[in-house]
Amino acid sequence: MLARLRVPDPMQAVPVEQDLGLEEGRAAFDRAREARTEAAPAPSSAGSATEEPVTRVHPVPEPPEEAPRPWWARWLPLAVLLVLLVVLWLVTR
């Protein structure tokens, strides 16, 4: 929009500082990734010279199965609401 108005962008003049936390985090990520790929076993095929590093993948644990709910649990909220309405009716009567 500023270019259409032929006005210079004020944000272009602001110098951008390097984020040291971002650089440290990126370096830690790279080190962890290298350690993870180095610890993986080498593939058995010795014929290819340009192989991608193997990354270990951990399976996601499945949540435990829930026990089936009793038939009356489906109607419990409605029954509680009806009881509250009856009590309210008796109190205001």
PDB file of N, CA and C in Angstrom:
ATOM      1  N   MET A   1       0.832  -1.180   0.000  1.00  0.00           N
ATOM      2  CA  MET A   1       0.000   0.000   0.000  1.00  0.00           C
ATOM      3  C   MET A   1       0.880   1.248   0.000  1.00  0.00           C
ATOM      4  N   LEU A   2       1.961   1.205   0.795  1.00  0.00           N
ATOM      5  CA  LEU A   2       2.857   2.348   0.825  1.00  0.00           C
ATOM      6  C   LEU A   2       3.543   2.556  -0.517  1.00  0.00           C
ATOM      7  N   ALA A   3       3.825   1.451  -1.212  1.00  0.00           N
ATOM      8  CA  ALA A   3       4.451   1.581  -2.526  1.00  0.00           C
ATOM      9  C   ALA A   3       3.496   2.249  -3.520  1.00  0.00           C
ATOM     10  N   ARG A   4       2.218   1.966  -3.417  1.00  0.00           N
ATOM     11  CA  ARG A   4       1.239   2.607  -4.302  1.00  0.00           C
ATOM     12  C   ARG A   4       1.161   4.115  -4.036  1.00  0.00           C
ATOM     13  N   LEU A   5       1.312   4.487  -2.764  1.00  0.00           N
ATOM     14  CA  LEU A   5       1.276   5.905  -2.404  1.00  0.00           C
ATOM     15  C   LEU A   5       2.624   6.579  -2.619  1.00  0.00           C
ATOM     16  N   ARG A   6       3.628   5.795  -2.995  1.00  0.00           N
ATOM     17  CA  ARG A   6       4.999   6.266  -3.217  1.00  0.00           C
ATOM     18  C   ARG A   6       5.574   6.891  -1.948  1.00  0.00           C
ATOM     19  N   VAL A   7       5.277   6.215  -0.826  1.00  0.00           N
ATOM     20  CA  VAL A   7       5.799   6.637   0.473  1.00  0.00           C
ATOM     21  C   VAL A   7       6.796   5.571   0.917  1.00  0.00           C
ATOM     22  N   PRO A   8       7.976   5.978   1.414  1.00  0.00           N
ATOM     23  CA  PRO A   8       8.946   4.966   1.865  1.00  0.00           C
ATOM     24  C   PRO A   8       8.435   4.207   3.081  1.00  0.00           C
ATOM     25  N   ASP A   9       8.759   2.933   3.131  1.00  0.00           N
ATOM     26  CA  ASP A   9       8.335   2.072   4.230  1.00  0.00           C
ATOM     27  C   ASP A   9       9.196   2.363   5.459  1.00  0.00           C
ATOM     28  N   PRO A  10       8.607   2.803   6.575  1.00  0.00           N
ATOM     29  CA  PRO A  10       9.417   3.134   7.750  1.00  0.00           C
ATOM     30  C   PRO A  10      10.081   1.909   8.380  1.00  0.00           C
ATOM     31  N   MET A  11       9.545   0.720   8.143  1.00  0.00           N
ATOM     32  CA  MET A  11      10.133  -0.487   8.735  1.00  0.00           C
ATOM     33  C   MET A  11      11.409  -0.920   8.022  1.00  0.00           C
ATOM     34  N   GLN A  12      11.641  -0.438   6.796  1.00  0.00           N
ATOM     35  CA  GLN A  12      12.847  -0.797   6.071  1.00  0.00           C
ATOM     36  C   GLN A  12      14.078  -0.151   6.684  1.00  0.00           C
ATOM     37  N   ALA A  13      13.904   0.961   7.373  1.00  0.00           N
ATOM     38  CA  ALA A  13      15.033   1.666   7.965  1.00  0.00           C
ATOM     39  C   ALA A  13      15.425   1.086   9.324  1.00  0.00           C
ATOM     40  N   VAL A  14      14.574   0.258   9.939  1.00  0.00           N
ATOM     41  CA  VAL A  14      14.855  -0.301  11.258  1.00  0.00           C
ATOM     42  C   VAL A  14      15.819  -1.479  11.098  1.00  0.00           C
ATOM     43  N   PRO A  15      16.977  -1.428  11.778  1.00  0.00           N
ATOM     44  CA  PRO A  15      17.901  -2.562  11.670  1.00  0.00           C
ATOM     45  C   PRO A  15      17.350  -3.780  12.419  1.00  0.00           C
ATOM     46  N   VAL A  16      17.552  -4.941  11.845  1.00  0.00           N
ATOM     47  CA  VAL A  16      17.063  -6.180  12.439  1.00  0.00           C
ATOM     48  C   VAL A  16      18.203  -6.822  13.225  1.00  0.00           C
ATOM     49  N   GLU A  17      17.950  -7.063  14.519  1.00  0.00           N
ATOM     50  CA  GLU A  17      18.966  -7.689  15.362  1.00  0.00           C
ATOM     51  C   GLU A  17      18.860  -9.201  15.252  1.00  0.00           C
ATOM     52  N   GLN A  18      19.996  -9.856  15.378  1.00  0.00           N
ATOM     53  CA  GLN A  18      20.018 -11.309  15.319  1.00  0.00           C
ATOM     54  C   GLN A  18      19.538 -11.869  16.654  1.00  0.00           C
ATOM     55  N   ASP A  19      18.610 -12.817  16.611  1.00  0.00           N
ATOM     56  CA  ASP A  19      18.057 -13.426  17.805  1.00  0.00           C
ATOM     57  C   ASP A  19      18.989 -14.538  18.277  1.00  0.00           C
ATOM     58  N   LEU A  20      19.694 -14.316  19.398  1.00  0.00           N
ATOM     59  CA  LEU A  20      20.658 -15.302  19.880  1.00  0.00           C
ATOM     60  C   LEU A  20      19.973 -16.557  20.408  1.00  0.00           C
ATOM     61  N   GLY A  21      18.798 -16.399  20.988  1.00  0.00           N
ATOM     62  CA  GLY A  21      18.056 -17.563  21.472  1.00  0.00           C
ATOM     63  C   GLY A  21      17.661 -18.479  20.327  1.00  0.00           C
ATOM     64  N   LEU A  22      17.291 -17.882  19.206  1.00  0.00           N
ATOM     65  CA  LEU A  22      16.924 -18.669  18.034  1.00  0.00           C
ATOM     66  C   LEU A  22      18.135 -19.417  17.497  1.00  0.00           C
ATOM     67  N   GLU A  23      19.276 -18.759  17.468  1.00  0.00           N
ATOM     68  CA  GLU A  23      20.499 -19.406  16.983  1.00  0.00           C
ATOM     69  C   GLU A  23      20.916 -20.555  17.894  1.00  0.00           C
ATOM     70  N   GLU A  24      20.825 -20.347  19.218  1.00  0.00           N
ATOM     71  CA  GLU A  24      21.188 -21.407  20.171  1.00  0.00           C
ATOM     72  C   GLU A  24      20.240 -22.595  20.055  1.00  0.00           C
ATOM     73  N   GLY A  25      18.955 -22.308  19.911  1.00  0.00           N
ATOM     74  CA  GLY A  25      17.969 -23.379  19.762  1.00  0.00           C
ATOM     75  C   GLY A  25      18.183 -24.167  18.488  1.00  0.00           C
ATOM     76  N   ARG A  26      18.510 -23.464  17.406  1.00  0.00           N
ATOM     77  CA  ARG A  26      18.751 -24.144  16.136  1.00  0.00           C
ATOM     78  C   ARG A  26      19.997 -25.029  16.226  1.00  0.00           C
ATOM     79  N   ALA A  27      21.039 -24.530  16.901  1.00  0.00           N
ATOM     80  CA  ALA A  27      22.264 -25.321  17.062  1.00  0.00           C
ATOM     81  C   ALA A  27      21.988 -26.563  17.913  1.00  0.00           C
ATOM     82  N   ALA A  28      21.192 -26.430  18.981  1.00  0.00           N
ATOM     83  CA  ALA A  28      20.848 -27.579  19.819  1.00  0.00           C
ATOM     84  C   ALA A  28      20.028 -28.590  19.029  1.00  0.00           C
ATOM     85  N   PHE A  29      19.119 -28.111  18.200  1.00  0.00           N
ATOM     86  CA  PHE A  29      18.316 -29.002  17.372  1.00  0.00           C
ATOM     87  C   PHE A  29      19.201 -29.775  16.399  1.00  0.00           C
ATOM     88  N   ASP A  30      20.126 -29.065  15.766  1.00  0.00           N
ATOM     89  CA  ASP A  30      21.031 -29.721  14.816  1.00  0.00           C
ATOM     90  C   ASP A  30      21.886 -30.777  15.511  1.00  0.00           C
ATOM     91  N   ARG A  31      22.387 -30.475  16.716  1.00  0.00           N
ATOM     92  CA  ARG A  31      23.194 -31.457  17.459  1.00  0.00           C
ATOM     93  C   ARG A  31      22.366 -32.680  17.822  1.00  0.00           C
ATOM     94  N   ALA A  32      21.139 -32.465  18.278  1.00  0.00           N
ATOM     95  CA  ALA A  32      20.278 -33.589  18.651  1.00  0.00           C
ATOM     96  C   ALA A  32      19.928 -34.425  17.428  1.00  0.00           C
ATOM     97  N   ARG A  33      19.700 -33.781  16.296  1.00  0.00           N
ATOM     98  CA  ARG A  33      19.368 -34.514  15.078  1.00  0.00           C
ATOM     99  C   ARG A  33      20.554 -35.345  14.601  1.00  0.00           C
ATOM    100  N   GLU A  34      21.751 -34.773  14.662  1.00  0.00           N
ATOM    101  CA  GLU A  34      22.942 -35.521  14.269  1.00  0.00           C
ATOM    102  C   GLU A  34      23.167 -36.714  15.190  1.00  0.00           C
ATOM    103  N   ALA A  35      22.979 -36.516  16.494  1.00  0.00           N
ATOM    104  CA  ALA A  35      23.166 -37.617  17.440  1.00  0.00           C
ATOM    105  C   ALA A  35      22.139 -38.714  17.200  1.00  0.00           C
ATOM    106  N   ARG A  36      20.944 -38.325  16.846  1.00  0.00           N
ATOM    107  CA  ARG A  36      19.886 -39.308  16.619  1.00  0.00           C
ATOM    108  C   ARG A  36      20.149 -40.115  15.349  1.00  0.00           C
ATOM    109  N   THR A  37      20.609 -39.461  14.291  1.00  0.00           N
ATOM    110  CA  THR A  37      20.858 -40.179  13.046  1.00  0.00           C
ATOM    111  C   THR A  37      22.132 -41.002  13.118  1.00  0.00           C
ATOM    112  N   GLU A  38      23.116 -40.570  13.899  1.00  0.00           N
ATOM    113  CA  GLU A  38      24.351 -41.342  14.042  1.00  0.00           C
ATOM    114  C   GLU A  38      24.110 -42.611  14.851  1.00  0.00           C
ATOM    115  N   ALA A  39      23.182 -42.571  15.804  1.00  0.00           N
ATOM    116  CA  ALA A  39      22.918 -43.725  16.656  1.00  0.00           C
ATOM    117  C   ALA A  39      22.090 -44.788  15.945  1.00  0.00           C
ATOM    118  N   ALA A  40      21.479 -44.440  14.818  1.00  0.00           N
ATOM    119  CA  ALA A  40      20.649 -45.398  14.088  1.00  0.00           C
ATOM    120  C   ALA A  40      21.548 -46.424  13.399  1.00  0.00           C
ATOM    121  N   PRO A  41      21.097 -47.690  13.302  1.00  0.00           N
ATOM    122  CA  PRO A  41      21.911 -48.705  12.631  1.00  0.00           C
ATOM    123  C   PRO A  41      22.025 -48.424  11.138  1.00  0.00           C
ATOM    124  N   ALA A  42      23.165 -48.778  10.567  1.00  0.00           N
ATOM    125  CA  ALA A  42      23.396 -48.560   9.142  1.00  0.00           C
ATOM    126  C   ALA A  42      22.586 -49.567   8.343  1.00  0.00           C
ATOM    127  N   PRO A  43      22.079 -49.172   7.162  1.00  0.00           N
ATOM    128  CA  PRO A  43      21.313 -50.112   6.341  1.00  0.00           C
ATOM    129  C   PRO A  43      22.212 -51.220   5.822  1.00  0.00           C
ATOM    130  N   SER A  44      21.606 -52.358   5.498  1.00  0.00           N
ATOM    131  CA  SER A  44      22.371 -53.540   5.117  1.00  0.00           C
ATOM    132  C   SER A  44      22.879 -53.478   3.685  1.00  0.00           C
ATOM    133  N   SER A  45      22.305 -52.638   2.834  1.00  0.00           N
ATOM    134  CA  SER A  45      22.755 -52.582   1.444  1.00  0.00           C
ATOM    135  C   SER A  45      24.029 -51.751   1.357  1.00  0.00           C
ATOM    136  N   ALA A  46      25.125 -52.365   0.906  1.00  0.00           N
ATOM    137  CA  ALA A  46      26.410 -51.685   0.823  1.00  0.00           C
ATOM    138  C   ALA A  46      26.661 -51.129  -0.565  1.00  0.00           C
ATOM    139  N   GLY A  47      25.757 -51.296  -1.504  1.00  0.00           N
ATOM    140  CA  GLY A  47      25.975 -50.905  -2.890  1.00  0.00           C
ATOM    141  C   GLY A  47      25.804 -49.420  -3.142  1.00  0.00           C
ATOM    142  N   SER A  48      24.905 -48.731  -2.426  1.00  0.00           N
ATOM    143  CA  SER A  48      24.657 -47.324  -2.730  1.00  0.00           C
ATOM    144  C   SER A  48      25.545 -46.443  -1.860  1.00  0.00           C
ATOM    145  N   ALA A  49      26.170 -45.453  -2.477  1.00  0.00           N
ATOM    146  CA  ALA A  49      27.100 -44.589  -1.756  1.00  0.00           C
ATOM    147  C   ALA A  49      26.414 -43.339  -1.217  1.00  0.00           C
ATOM    148  N   THR A  50      25.304 -42.900  -1.812  1.00  0.00           N
ATOM    149  CA  THR A  50      24.624 -41.680  -1.372  1.00  0.00           C
ATOM    150  C   THR A  50      23.311 -42.046  -0.711  1.00  0.00           C
ATOM    151  N   GLU A  51      23.384 -42.541   0.504  1.00  0.00           N
ATOM    152  CA  GLU A  51      22.173 -42.917   1.237  1.00  0.00           C
ATOM    153  C   GLU A  51      21.798 -41.819   2.207  1.00  0.00           C
ATOM    154  N   GLU A  52      20.516 -41.678   2.423  1.00  0.00           N
ATOM    155  CA  GLU A  52      20.003 -40.728   3.396  1.00  0.00           C
ATOM    156  C   GLU A  52      20.237 -41.282   4.794  1.00  0.00           C
ATOM    157  N   PRO A  53      20.492 -40.422   5.786  1.00  0.00           N
ATOM    158  CA  PRO A  53      20.638 -40.928   7.153  1.00  0.00           C
ATOM    159  C   PRO A  53      19.304 -41.468   7.659  1.00  0.00           C
ATOM    160  N   VAL A  54      19.374 -42.534   8.425  1.00  0.00           N
ATOM    161  CA  VAL A  54      18.180 -43.191   8.942  1.00  0.00           C
ATOM    162  C   VAL A  54      17.801 -42.539  10.265  1.00  0.00           C
ATOM    163  N   THR A  55      16.539 -42.202  10.422  1.00  0.00           N
ATOM    164  CA  THR A  55      16.042 -41.606  11.656  1.00  0.00           C
ATOM    165  C   THR A  55      15.157 -42.619  12.353  1.00  0.00           C
ATOM    166  N   ARG A  56      15.406 -42.803  13.646  1.00  0.00           N
ATOM    167  CA  ARG A  56      14.579 -43.719  14.418  1.00  0.00           C
ATOM    168  C   ARG A  56      13.237 -43.069  14.715  1.00  0.00           C
ATOM    169  N   VAL A  57      12.179 -43.853  14.608  1.00  0.00           N
ATOM    170  CA  VAL A  57      10.832 -43.364  14.882  1.00  0.00           C
ATOM    171  C   VAL A  57      10.265 -44.184  16.023  1.00  0.00           C
ATOM    172  N   HIS A  58       9.792 -43.495  17.050  1.00  0.00           N
ATOM    173  CA  HIS A  58       9.199 -44.170  18.201  1.00  0.00           C
ATOM    174  C   HIS A  58       7.698 -44.270  18.000  1.00  0.00           C
ATOM    175  N   PRO A  59       7.100 -45.427  18.256  1.00  0.00           N
ATOM    176  CA  PRO A  59       5.644 -45.551  18.076  1.00  0.00           C
ATOM    177  C   PRO A  59       4.893 -44.738  19.128  1.00  0.00           C
ATOM    178  N   VAL A  60       3.752 -44.232  18.727  1.00  0.00           N
ATOM    179  CA  VAL A  60       2.901 -43.468  19.631  1.00  0.00           C
ATOM    180  C   VAL A  60       2.094 -44.443  20.467  1.00  0.00           C
ATOM    181  N   PRO A  61       2.134 -44.320  21.806  1.00  0.00           N
ATOM    182  CA  PRO A  61       1.357 -45.251  22.629  1.00  0.00           C
ATOM    183  C   PRO A  61      -0.138 -45.028  22.445  1.00  0.00           C
ATOM    184  N   GLU A  62      -0.857 -46.127  22.370  1.00  0.00           N
ATOM    185  CA  GLU A  62      -2.301 -46.041  22.209  1.00  0.00           C
ATOM    186  C   GLU A  62      -2.962 -45.854  23.566  1.00  0.00           C
ATOM    187  N   PRO A  63      -3.999 -45.030  23.640  1.00  0.00           N
ATOM    188  CA  PRO A  63      -4.684 -44.840  24.921  1.00  0.00           C
ATOM    189  C   PRO A  63      -5.396 -46.130  25.326  1.00  0.00           C
ATOM    190  N   PRO A  64      -5.508 -46.358  26.616  1.00  0.00           N
ATOM    191  CA  PRO A  64      -6.214 -47.581  27.060  1.00  0.00           C
ATOM    192  C   PRO A  64      -7.689 -47.515  26.689  1.00  0.00           C
ATOM    193  N   GLU A  65      -8.240 -48.681  26.402  1.00  0.00           N
ATOM    194  CA  GLU A  65      -9.652 -48.738  26.027  1.00  0.00           C
ATOM    195  C   GLU A  65     -10.525 -48.457  27.247  1.00  0.00           C
ATOM    196  N   GLU A  66     -11.584 -47.695  27.015  1.00  0.00           N
ATOM    197  CA  GLU A  66     -12.504 -47.364  28.090  1.00  0.00           C
ATOM    198  C   GLU A  66     -13.553 -48.457  28.225  1.00  0.00           C
ATOM    199  N   ALA A  67     -13.990 -48.647  29.451  1.00  0.00           N
ATOM    200  CA  ALA A  67     -15.046 -49.622  29.701  1.00  0.00           C
ATOM    201  C   ALA A  67     -16.361 -49.057  29.165  1.00  0.00           C
ATOM    202  N   PRO A  68     -17.243 -49.915  28.664  1.00  0.00           N
ATOM    203  CA  PRO A  68     -18.520 -49.407  28.143  1.00  0.00           C
ATOM    204  C   PRO A  68     -19.356 -48.808  29.263  1.00  0.00           C
ATOM    205  N   ARG A  69     -20.040 -47.735  28.924  1.00  0.00           N
ATOM    206  CA  ARG A  69     -20.878 -47.069  29.922  1.00  0.00           C
ATOM    207  C   ARG A  69     -22.189 -47.829  30.087  1.00  0.00           C
ATOM    208  N   PRO A  70     -22.762 -47.804  31.284  1.00  0.00           N
ATOM    209  CA  PRO A  70     -24.070 -48.453  31.471  1.00  0.00           C
ATOM    210  C   PRO A  70     -25.153 -47.677  30.704  1.00  0.00           C
ATOM    211  N   TRP A  71     -26.290 -48.353  30.458  1.00  0.00           N
ATOM    212  CA  TRP A  71     -27.355 -47.760  29.648  1.00  0.00           C
ATOM    213  C   TRP A  71     -27.941 -46.512  30.288  1.00  0.00           C
ATOM    214  N   TRP A  72     -27.966 -46.453  31.607  1.00  0.00           N
ATOM    215  CA  TRP A  72     -28.584 -45.325  32.287  1.00  0.00           C
ATOM    216  C   TRP A  72     -27.683 -44.095  32.308  1.00  0.00           C
ATOM    217  N   ALA A  73     -26.403 -44.237  32.035  1.00  0.00           N
ATOM    218  CA  ALA A  73     -25.489 -43.094  32.062  1.00  0.00           C
ATOM    219  C   ALA A  73     -25.821 -42.097  30.952  1.00  0.00           C
ATOM    220  N   ARG A  74     -26.461 -42.576  29.900  1.00  0.00           N
ATOM    221  CA  ARG A  74     -26.829 -41.695  28.809  1.00  0.00           C
ATOM    222  C   ARG A  74     -27.949 -40.738  29.224  1.00  0.00           C
ATOM    223  N   TRP A  75     -28.827 -41.192  30.100  1.00  0.00           N
ATOM    224  CA  TRP A  75     -29.971 -40.392  30.527  1.00  0.00           C
ATOM    225  C   TRP A  75     -29.729 -39.638  31.829  1.00  0.00           C
ATOM    226  N   LEU A  76     -28.596 -39.834  32.460  1.00  0.00           N
ATOM    227  CA  LEU A  76     -28.312 -39.211  33.754  1.00  0.00           C
ATOM    228  C   LEU A  76     -28.372 -37.681  33.719  1.00  0.00           C
ATOM    229  N   PRO A  77     -27.768 -36.984  32.754  1.00  0.00           N
ATOM    230  CA  PRO A  77     -27.876 -35.512  32.755  1.00  0.00           C
ATOM    231  C   PRO A  77     -29.316 -35.018  32.638  1.00  0.00           C
ATOM    232  N   LEU A  78     -30.121 -35.698  31.832  1.00  0.00           N
ATOM    233  CA  LEU A  78     -31.528 -35.304  31.709  1.00  0.00           C
ATOM    234  C   LEU A  78     -32.272 -35.526  33.018  1.00  0.00           C
ATOM    235  N   ALA A  79     -32.002 -36.626  33.691  1.00  0.00           N
ATOM    236  CA  ALA A  79     -32.664 -36.899  34.971  1.00  0.00           C
ATOM    237  C   ALA A  79     -32.270 -35.864  36.013  1.00  0.00           C
ATOM    238  N   VAL A  80     -31.018 -35.475  36.064  1.00  0.00           N
ATOM    239  CA  VAL A  80     -30.572 -34.449  37.027  1.00  0.00           C
ATOM    240  C   VAL A  80     -31.266 -33.129  36.729  1.00  0.00           C
ATOM    241  N   LEU A  81     -31.388 -32.781  35.471  1.00  0.00           N
ATOM    242  CA  LEU A  81     -32.066 -31.542  35.096  1.00  0.00           C
ATOM    243  C   LEU A  81     -33.538 -31.577  35.499  1.00  0.00           C
ATOM    244  N   LEU A  82     -34.183 -32.695  35.278  1.00  0.00           N
ATOM    245  CA  LEU A  82     -35.590 -32.806  35.669  1.00  0.00           C
ATOM    246  C   LEU A  82     -35.769 -32.701  37.178  1.00  0.00           C
ATOM    247  N   VAL A  83     -34.886 -33.328  37.928  1.00  0.00           N
ATOM    248  CA  VAL A  83     -34.964 -33.241  39.397  1.00  0.00           C
ATOM    249  C   VAL A  83     -34.764 -31.808  39.847  1.00  0.00           C
ATOM    250  N   LEU A  84     -33.825 -31.095  39.261  1.00  0.00           N
ATOM    251  CA  LEU A  84     -33.611 -29.699  39.628  1.00  0.00           C
ATOM    252  C   LEU A  84     -34.823 -28.841  39.292  1.00  0.00           C
ATOM    253  N   LEU A  85     -35.456 -29.106  38.158  1.00  0.00           N
ATOM    254  CA  LEU A  85     -36.660 -28.350  37.807  1.00  0.00           C
ATOM    255  C   LEU A  85     -37.807 -28.626  38.776  1.00  0.00           C
ATOM    256  N   VAL A  86     -37.964 -29.865  39.188  1.00  0.00           N
ATOM    257  CA  VAL A  86     -39.021 -30.206  40.153  1.00  0.00           C
ATOM    258  C   VAL A  86     -38.741 -29.534  41.490  1.00  0.00           C
ATOM    259  N   VAL A  87     -37.504 -29.561  41.957  1.00  0.00           N
ATOM    260  CA  VAL A  87     -37.153 -28.906  43.229  1.00  0.00           C
ATOM    261  C   VAL A  87     -37.387 -27.407  43.121  1.00  0.00           C
ATOM    262  N   LEU A  88     -37.019 -26.801  42.026  1.00  0.00           N
ATOM    263  CA  LEU A  88     -37.242 -25.375  41.825  1.00  0.00           C
ATOM    264  C   LEU A  88     -38.734 -25.057  41.828  1.00  0.00           C
ATOM    265  N   TRP A  89     -39.509 -25.907  41.184  1.00  0.00           N
ATOM    266  CA  TRP A  89     -40.956 -25.695  41.149  1.00  0.00           C
ATOM    267  C   TRP A  89     -41.555 -25.798  42.550  1.00  0.00           C
ATOM    268  N   LEU A  90     -41.086 -26.793  43.346  1.00  0.00           N
ATOM    269  CA  LEU A  90     -41.610 -26.952  44.698  1.00  0.00           C
ATOM    270  C   LEU A  90     -41.209 -25.790  45.606  1.00  0.00           C
ATOM    271  N   VAL A  91     -40.008 -25.267  45.420  1.00  0.00           N
ATOM    272  CA  VAL A  91     -39.542 -24.162  46.274  1.00  0.00           C
ATOM    273  C   VAL A  91     -40.286 -22.875  45.940  1.00  0.00           C
ATOM    274  N   THR A  92     -40.544 -22.611  44.690  1.00  0.00           N
ATOM    275  CA  THR A  92     -41.206 -21.361  44.307  1.00  0.00           C
ATOM    276  C   THR A  92     -42.726 -21.429  44.417  1.00  0.00           C
ATOM    277  N   ARG A  93     -43.278 -22.549  44.737  1.00  0.00           N
ATOM    278  CA  ARG A  93     -44.723 -22.732  44.810  1.00  0.00           C
ATOM    279  C   ARG A  93     -45.318 -22.111  46.021  1.00  0.00           C
TER     280      ARG A  93
END
